[in-house]
PDB file of N, CA and C in Angstrom:
ATOM      1  N   UNK A   1      82.940 117.157 126.676  1.00  0.00           N
ATOM      2  CA  UNK A   1      84.380 117.252 126.537  1.00  0.00           C
ATOM      3  C   UNK A   1      84.892 118.210 127.604  1.00  0.00           C
ATOM      4  N   UNK A   2      86.064 117.914 128.126  1.00  0.00           N
ATOM      5  CA  UNK A   2      86.658 118.816 129.105  1.00  0.00           C
ATOM      6  C   UNK A   2      88.163 118.875 128.903  1.00  0.00           C
ATOM      7  N   UNK A   3      88.790 119.866 129.448  1.00  0.00           N
ATOM      8  CA  UNK A   3      90.236 120.049 129.358  1.00  0.00           C
ATOM      9  C   UNK A   3      90.871 119.662 130.687  1.00  0.00           C
ATOM     10  N   UNK A   4      91.980 118.938 130.589  1.00  0.00           N
ATOM     11  CA  UNK A   4      92.723 118.535 131.775  1.00  0.00           C
ATOM     12  C   UNK A   4      94.158 119.021 131.634  1.00  0.00           C
ATOM     13  N   UNK A   5      94.644 119.820 132.559  1.00  0.00           N
ATOM     14  CA  UNK A   5      96.022 120.302 132.453  1.00  0.00           C
ATOM     15  C   UNK A   5      97.036 119.173 132.687  1.00  0.00           C
ATOM     16  N   UNK A   6      98.147 119.233 131.954  1.00  0.00           N
ATOM     17  CA  UNK A   6      99.249 118.276 132.112  1.00  0.00           C
ATOM     18  C   UNK A   6     100.555 119.049 132.158  1.00  0.00           C
ATOM     19  N   UNK A   7     101.555 118.480 132.812  1.00  0.00           N
ATOM     20  CA  UNK A   7     102.859 119.140 132.917  1.00  0.00           C
ATOM     21  C   UNK A   7     103.634 119.065 131.602  1.00  0.00           C
ATOM     22  N   UNK A   8     103.726 117.865 131.039  1.00  0.00           N
ATOM     23  CA  UNK A   8     104.517 117.651 129.816  1.00  0.00           C
ATOM     24  C   UNK A   8     103.730 116.810 128.825  1.00  0.00           C
ATOM     25  N   UNK A   9     104.066 116.967 127.554  1.00  0.00           N
ATOM     26  CA  UNK A   9     103.464 116.129 126.531  1.00  0.00           C
ATOM     27  C   UNK A   9     104.138 114.761 126.521  1.00  0.00           C
ATOM     28  N   UNK A  10     103.405 113.704 126.232  1.00  0.00           N
ATOM     29  CA  UNK A  10     104.048 112.390 126.099  1.00  0.00           C
ATOM     30  C   UNK A  10     104.980 112.382 124.890  1.00  0.00           C
ATOM     31  N   UNK A  11     106.010 111.571 124.961  1.00  0.00           N
ATOM     32  CA  UNK A  11     106.948 111.465 123.836  1.00  0.00           C
ATOM     33  C   UNK A  11     106.259 110.813 122.656  1.00  0.00           C
ATOM     34  N   UNK A  12     106.726 111.188 121.461  1.00  0.00           N
ATOM     35  CA  UNK A  12     106.204 110.574 120.244  1.00  0.00           C
ATOM     36  C   UNK A  12     106.686 109.133 120.152  1.00  0.00           C
ATOM     37  N   UNK A  13     105.984 108.349 119.345  1.00  0.00           N
ATOM     38  CA  UNK A  13     106.365 106.958 119.146  1.00  0.00           C
ATOM     39  C   UNK A  13     107.702 106.838 118.422  1.00  0.00           C
ATOM     40  N   UNK A  14     108.327 105.707 118.569  1.00  0.00           N
ATOM     41  CA  UNK A  14     109.610 105.435 117.940  1.00  0.00           C
ATOM     42  C   UNK A  14     109.453 105.322 116.430  1.00  0.00           C
ATOM     43  N   UNK A  15     110.298 105.991 115.697  1.00  0.00           N
ATOM     44  CA  UNK A  15     110.273 105.893 114.239  1.00  0.00           C
ATOM     45  C   UNK A  15     111.391 104.956 113.795  1.00  0.00           C
ATOM     46  N   UNK A  16     111.097 104.129 112.842  1.00  0.00           N
ATOM     47  CA  UNK A  16     112.072 103.164 112.348  1.00  0.00           C
ATOM     48  C   UNK A  16     112.711 103.677 111.062  1.00  0.00           C
ATOM     49  N   UNK A  17     113.927 103.263 110.807  1.00  0.00           N
ATOM     50  CA  UNK A  17     114.631 103.615 109.578  1.00  0.00           C
ATOM     51  C   UNK A  17     114.338 102.543 108.531  1.00  0.00           C
ATOM     52  N   UNK A  18     113.093 102.526 108.048  1.00  0.00           N
ATOM     53  CA  UNK A  18     112.691 101.498 107.093  1.00  0.00           C
ATOM     54  C   UNK A  18     113.458 101.621 105.782  1.00  0.00           C
ATOM     55  N   UNK A  19     113.716 102.840 105.325  1.00  0.00           N
ATOM     56  CA  UNK A  19     114.462 103.012 104.077  1.00  0.00           C
ATOM     57  C   UNK A  19     115.868 102.443 104.203  1.00  0.00           C
ATOM     58  N   UNK A  20     116.488 102.606 105.364  1.00  0.00           N
ATOM     59  CA  UNK A  20     117.819 102.032 105.580  1.00  0.00           C
ATOM     60  C   UNK A  20     117.793 100.514 105.566  1.00  0.00           C
ATOM     61  N   UNK A  21     116.773  99.930 106.189  1.00  0.00           N
ATOM     62  CA  UNK A  21     116.628  98.472 106.198  1.00  0.00           C
ATOM     63  C   UNK A  21     116.387  97.955 104.787  1.00  0.00           C
ATOM     64  N   UNK A  22     115.535  98.641 104.048  1.00  0.00           N
ATOM     65  CA  UNK A  22     115.226  98.229 102.666  1.00  0.00           C
ATOM     66  C   UNK A  22     116.463  98.337 101.790  1.00  0.00           C
ATOM     67  N   UNK A  23     117.209  99.426 101.918  1.00  0.00           N
ATOM     68  CA  UNK A  23     118.435  99.599 101.124  1.00  0.00           C
ATOM     69  C   UNK A  23     119.455  98.521 101.460  1.00  0.00           C
ATOM     70  N   UNK A  24     119.618  98.236 102.747  1.00  0.00           N
ATOM     71  CA  UNK A  24     120.560  97.190 103.172  1.00  0.00           C
ATOM     72  C   UNK A  24     120.187  95.843 102.549  1.00  0.00           C
ATOM     73  N   UNK A  25     118.894  95.512 102.557  1.00  0.00           N
ATOM     74  CA  UNK A  25     118.450  94.253 101.970  1.00  0.00           C
ATOM     75  C   UNK A  25     118.632  94.254 100.458  1.00  0.00           C
ATOM     76  N   UNK A  26     118.285  95.358  99.797  1.00  0.00           N
ATOM     77  CA  UNK A  26     118.390  95.440  98.337  1.00  0.00           C
ATOM     78  C   UNK A  26     119.834  95.279  97.865  1.00  0.00           C
ATOM     79  N   UNK A  27     120.769  95.778  98.636  1.00  0.00           N
ATOM     80  CA  UNK A  27     122.175  95.709  98.245  1.00  0.00           C
ATOM     81  C   UNK A  27     122.859  94.428  98.712  1.00  0.00           C
ATOM     82  N   UNK A  28     122.155  93.603  99.483  1.00  0.00           N
ATOM     83  CA  UNK A  28     122.733  92.331  99.941  1.00  0.00           C
ATOM     84  C   UNK A  28     122.516  91.261  98.879  1.00  0.00           C
ATOM     85  N   UNK A  29     123.153  90.113  99.081  1.00  0.00           N
ATOM     86  CA  UNK A  29     122.982  89.006  98.140  1.00  0.00           C
ATOM     87  C   UNK A  29     121.900  88.025  98.604  1.00  0.00           C
ATOM     88  N   UNK A  30     121.185  88.371  99.657  1.00  0.00           N
ATOM     89  CA  UNK A  30     120.102  87.514 100.172  1.00  0.00           C
ATOM     90  C   UNK A  30     118.862  87.652  99.295  1.00  0.00           C
ATOM     91  N   UNK A  31     118.140  86.541  99.081  1.00  0.00           N
ATOM     92  CA  UNK A  31     116.902  86.579  98.292  1.00  0.00           C
ATOM     93  C   UNK A  31     115.679  86.796  99.188  1.00  0.00           C
ATOM     94  N   UNK A  32     115.707  86.264 100.394  1.00  0.00           N
ATOM     95  CA  UNK A  32     114.584  86.371 101.332  1.00  0.00           C
ATOM     96  C   UNK A  32     115.117  86.608 102.733  1.00  0.00           C
ATOM     97  N   UNK A  33     114.433  87.466 103.481  1.00  0.00           N
ATOM     98  CA  UNK A  33     114.810  87.693 104.880  1.00  0.00           C
ATOM     99  C   UNK A  33     113.558  87.790 105.736  1.00  0.00           C
ATOM    100  N   UNK A  34     113.695  87.369 106.979  1.00  0.00           N
ATOM    101  CA  UNK A  34     112.649  87.487 107.981  1.00  0.00           C
ATOM    102  C   UNK A  34     112.887  88.773 108.762  1.00  0.00           C
ATOM    103  N   UNK A  35     111.831  89.537 108.974  1.00  0.00           N
ATOM    104  CA  UNK A  35     111.930  90.742 109.796  1.00  0.00           C
ATOM    105  C   UNK A  35     111.632  90.332 111.232  1.00  0.00           C
ATOM    106  N   UNK A  36     112.629  90.440 112.091  1.00  0.00           N
ATOM    107  CA  UNK A  36     112.481  90.049 113.491  1.00  0.00           C
ATOM    108  C   UNK A  36     112.054  91.290 114.274  1.00  0.00           C
ATOM    109  N   UNK A  37     110.860  91.226 114.855  1.00  0.00           N
ATOM    110  CA  UNK A  37     110.310  92.354 115.592  1.00  0.00           C
ATOM    111  C   UNK A  37     110.526  92.181 117.086  1.00  0.00           C
ATOM    112  N   UNK A  38     110.776  93.297 117.758  1.00  0.00           N
ATOM    113  CA  UNK A  38     110.844  93.290 119.216  1.00  0.00           C
ATOM    114  C   UNK A  38     109.426  93.466 119.752  1.00  0.00           C
ATOM    115  N   UNK A  39     109.209  93.080 120.990  1.00  0.00           N
ATOM    116  CA  UNK A  39     107.897  93.244 121.611  1.00  0.00           C
ATOM    117  C   UNK A  39     107.495  94.714 121.624  1.00  0.00           C
ATOM    118  N   UNK A  40     106.276  94.987 121.187  1.00  0.00           N
ATOM    119  CA  UNK A  40     105.746  96.341 121.204  1.00  0.00           C
ATOM    120  C   UNK A  40     106.243  97.249 120.102  1.00  0.00           C
ATOM    121  N   UNK A  41     107.015  96.701 119.151  1.00  0.00           N
ATOM    122  CA  UNK A  41     107.565  97.538 118.090  1.00  0.00           C
ATOM    123  C   UNK A  41     106.471  98.026 117.133  1.00  0.00           C
ATOM    124  N   UNK A  42     105.557  97.171 116.790  1.00  0.00           N
ATOM    125  CA  UNK A  42     104.405  97.524 115.962  1.00  0.00           C
ATOM    126  C   UNK A  42     103.150  97.028 116.653  1.00  0.00           C
ATOM    127  N   UNK A  43     102.036  97.676 116.367  1.00  0.00           N
ATOM    128  CA  UNK A  43     100.774  97.293 116.997  1.00  0.00           C
ATOM    129  C   UNK A  43     100.348  95.887 116.576  1.00  0.00           C
ATOM    130  N   UNK A  44     100.633  95.546 115.312  1.00  0.00           N
ATOM    131  CA  UNK A  44     100.302  94.216 114.803  1.00  0.00           C
ATOM    132  C   UNK A  44     101.200  93.884 113.619  1.00  0.00           C
ATOM    133  N   UNK A  45     101.157  92.631 113.201  1.00  0.00           N
ATOM    134  CA  UNK A  45     101.914  92.192 112.023  1.00  0.00           C
ATOM    135  C   UNK A  45     101.406  92.914 110.779  1.00  0.00           C
ATOM    136  N   UNK A  46     100.091  93.120 110.709  1.00  0.00           N
ATOM    137  CA  UNK A  46      99.502  93.817 109.563  1.00  0.00           C
ATOM    138  C   UNK A  46      99.997  95.249 109.435  1.00  0.00           C
ATOM    139  N   UNK A  47     100.158  95.928 110.561  1.00  0.00           N
ATOM    140  CA  UNK A  47     100.667  97.297 110.550  1.00  0.00           C
ATOM    141  C   UNK A  47     102.118  97.307 110.071  1.00  0.00           C
ATOM    142  N   UNK A  48     102.909  96.372 110.548  1.00  0.00           N
ATOM    143  CA  UNK A  48     104.312  96.259 110.127  1.00  0.00           C
ATOM    144  C   UNK A  48     104.395  96.014 108.626  1.00  0.00           C
ATOM    145  N   UNK A  49     103.598  95.077 108.139  1.00  0.00           N
ATOM    146  CA  UNK A  49     103.586  94.754 106.718  1.00  0.00           C
ATOM    147  C   UNK A  49     103.188  95.961 105.884  1.00  0.00           C
ATOM    148  N   UNK A  50     102.188  96.692 106.334  1.00  0.00           N
ATOM    149  CA  UNK A  50     101.717  97.871 105.626  1.00  0.00           C
ATOM    150  C   UNK A  50     102.783  98.971 105.578  1.00  0.00           C
ATOM    151  N   UNK A  51     103.450  99.209 106.693  1.00  0.00           N
ATOM    152  CA  UNK A  51     104.503 100.224 106.743  1.00  0.00           C
ATOM    153  C   UNK A  51     105.638  99.880 105.787  1.00  0.00           C
ATOM    154  N   UNK A  52     106.044  98.615 105.779  1.00  0.00           N
ATOM    155  CA  UNK A  52     107.095  98.195 104.849  1.00  0.00           C
ATOM    156  C   UNK A  52     106.619  98.308 103.396  1.00  0.00           C
ATOM    157  N   UNK A  53     105.372  97.973 103.146  1.00  0.00           N
ATOM    158  CA  UNK A  53     104.840  98.076 101.784  1.00  0.00           C
ATOM    159  C   UNK A  53     104.914  99.494 101.244  1.00  0.00           C
ATOM    160  N   UNK A  54     104.517 100.453 102.056  1.00  0.00           N
ATOM    161  CA  UNK A  54     104.570 101.863 101.651  1.00  0.00           C
ATOM    162  C   UNK A  54     106.019 102.305 101.453  1.00  0.00           C
ATOM    163  N   UNK A  55     106.898 101.922 102.377  1.00  0.00           N
ATOM    164  CA  UNK A  55     108.305 102.314 102.290  1.00  0.00           C
ATOM    165  C   UNK A  55     108.978 101.707 101.056  1.00  0.00           C
ATOM    166  N   UNK A  56     108.640 100.460 100.724  1.00  0.00           N
ATOM    167  CA  UNK A  56     109.219  99.811  99.544  1.00  0.00           C
ATOM    168  C   UNK A  56     108.755 100.514  98.281  1.00  0.00           C
ATOM    169  N   UNK A  57     107.491 100.859  98.221  1.00  0.00           N
ATOM    170  CA  UNK A  57     106.950 101.555  97.056  1.00  0.00           C
ATOM    171  C   UNK A  57     107.680 102.879  96.841  1.00  0.00           C
ATOM    172  N   UNK A  58     107.929 103.614  97.927  1.00  0.00           N
ATOM    173  CA  UNK A  58     108.637 104.892  97.836  1.00  0.00           C
ATOM    174  C   UNK A  58     110.104 104.711  97.471  1.00  0.00           C
ATOM    175  N   UNK A  59     110.692 103.579  97.879  1.00  0.00           N
ATOM    176  CA  UNK A  59     112.122 103.354  97.649  1.00  0.00           C
ATOM    177  C   UNK A  59     112.450 103.087  96.187  1.00  0.00           C
ATOM    178  N   UNK A  60     111.522 102.469  95.466  1.00  0.00           N
ATOM    179  CA  UNK A  60     111.773 102.149  94.064  1.00  0.00           C
ATOM    180  C   UNK A  60     112.501 100.835  93.843  1.00  0.00           C
ATOM    181  N   UNK A  61     112.854 100.134  94.895  1.00  0.00           N
ATOM    182  CA  UNK A  61     113.535  98.847  94.755  1.00  0.00           C
ATOM    183  C   UNK A  61     112.536  97.765  94.356  1.00  0.00           C
ATOM    184  N   UNK A  62     113.025  96.763  93.641  1.00  0.00           N
ATOM    185  CA  UNK A  62     112.195  95.627  93.234  1.00  0.00           C
ATOM    186  C   UNK A  62     112.161  94.603  94.362  1.00  0.00           C
ATOM    187  N   UNK A  63     111.440  94.937  95.399  1.00  0.00           N
ATOM    188  CA  UNK A  63     111.320  94.106  96.593  1.00  0.00           C
ATOM    189  C   UNK A  63     109.844  93.962  96.903  1.00  0.00           C
ATOM    190  N   UNK A  64     109.491  92.854  97.516  1.00  0.00           N
ATOM    191  CA  UNK A  64     108.110  92.619  97.930  1.00  0.00           C
ATOM    192  C   UNK A  64     108.099  92.246  99.399  1.00  0.00           C
ATOM    193  N   UNK A  65     107.062  92.651 100.099  1.00  0.00           N
ATOM    194  CA  UNK A  65     106.881  92.285 101.508  1.00  0.00           C
ATOM    195  C   UNK A  65     105.697  91.330 101.568  1.00  0.00           C
ATOM    196  N   UNK A  66     105.813  90.298 102.389  1.00  0.00           N
ATOM    197  CA  UNK A  66     104.714  89.346 102.515  1.00  0.00           C
ATOM    198  C   UNK A  66     104.668  88.809 103.945  1.00  0.00           C
ATOM    199  N   UNK A  67     103.522  88.280 104.305  1.00  0.00           N
ATOM    200  CA  UNK A  67     103.364  87.657 105.618  1.00  0.00           C
ATOM    201  C   UNK A  67     103.076  86.178 105.419  1.00  0.00           C
ATOM    202  N   UNK A  68     103.704  85.366 106.228  1.00  0.00           N
ATOM    203  CA  UNK A  68     103.490  83.921 106.225  1.00  0.00           C
ATOM    204  C   UNK A  68     103.506  83.453 107.678  1.00  0.00           C
ATOM    205  N   UNK A  69     102.480  82.752 108.092  1.00  0.00           N
ATOM    206  CA  UNK A  69     102.405  82.196 109.452  1.00  0.00           C
ATOM    207  C   UNK A  69     102.652  83.242 110.538  1.00  0.00           C
ATOM    208  N   UNK A  70     102.115  84.435 110.355  1.00  0.00           N
ATOM    209  CA  UNK A  70     102.236  85.475 111.364  1.00  0.00           C
ATOM    210  C   UNK A  70     103.598  86.137 111.436  1.00  0.00           C
ATOM    211  N   UNK A  71     104.406  86.004 110.398  1.00  0.00           N
ATOM    212  CA  UNK A  71     105.723  86.628 110.343  1.00  0.00           C
ATOM    213  C   UNK A  71     105.829  87.438 109.056  1.00  0.00           C
ATOM    214  N   UNK A  72     106.669  88.462 109.074  1.00  0.00           N
ATOM    215  CA  UNK A  72     106.827  89.359 107.933  1.00  0.00           C
ATOM    216  C   UNK A  72     108.164  89.076 107.264  1.00  0.00           C
ATOM    217  N   UNK A  73     108.138  88.967 105.939  1.00  0.00           N
ATOM    218  CA  UNK A  73     109.333  88.668 105.150  1.00  0.00           C
ATOM    219  C   UNK A  73     109.514  89.704 104.053  1.00  0.00           C
ATOM    220  N   UNK A  74     110.772  89.942 103.677  1.00  0.00           N
ATOM    221  CA  UNK A  74     111.099  90.702 102.484  1.00  0.00           C
ATOM    222  C   UNK A  74     111.672  89.723 101.482  1.00  0.00           C
ATOM    223  N   UNK A  75     111.308  89.898 100.213  1.00  0.00           N
ATOM    224  CA  UNK A  75     111.800  88.997  99.185  1.00  0.00           C
ATOM    225  C   UNK A  75     112.112  89.766  97.918  1.00  0.00           C
ATOM    226  N   UNK A  76     113.086  89.272  97.190  1.00  0.00           N
ATOM    227  CA  UNK A  76     113.417  89.831  95.880  1.00  0.00           C
ATOM    228  C   UNK A  76     112.772  88.995  94.784  1.00  0.00           C
ATOM    229  N   UNK A  77     112.134  87.895  95.162  1.00  0.00           N
ATOM    230  CA  UNK A  77     111.441  87.014  94.215  1.00  0.00           C
ATOM    231  C   UNK A  77     110.033  87.569  94.007  1.00  0.00           C
ATOM    232  N   UNK A  78     109.831  88.316  92.940  1.00  0.00           N
ATOM    233  CA  UNK A  78     108.571  89.028  92.728  1.00  0.00           C
ATOM    234  C   UNK A  78     107.456  88.150  92.177  1.00  0.00           C
ATOM    235  N   UNK A  79     107.765  86.948  91.724  1.00  0.00           N
ATOM    236  CA  UNK A  79     106.715  86.123  91.105  1.00  0.00           C
ATOM    237  C   UNK A  79     105.991  85.197  92.079  1.00  0.00           C
ATOM    238  N   UNK A  80     106.471  85.053  93.313  1.00  0.00           N
ATOM    239  CA  UNK A  80     105.813  84.182  94.310  1.00  0.00           C
ATOM    240  C   UNK A  80     104.732  84.923  95.055  1.00  0.00           C
TER     241      UNK A  80
END
């Protein structure tokens, strides 16, 4: 192991307002929505799904996150 001096630290990764997105969906009249990701926003679909799953659990809303055909969806239909 060795130390290499650097001028500045790299910036931290972008943080998303998942609670705001979840609240917006919970208060809307939509039953299902597709989460449209920009390139490079998440490392993978699985990471995105996992982050939303944790955020939904913390939010307390009756919402479920699921993946279908490589896309991430939020749904209020808990039995599917």
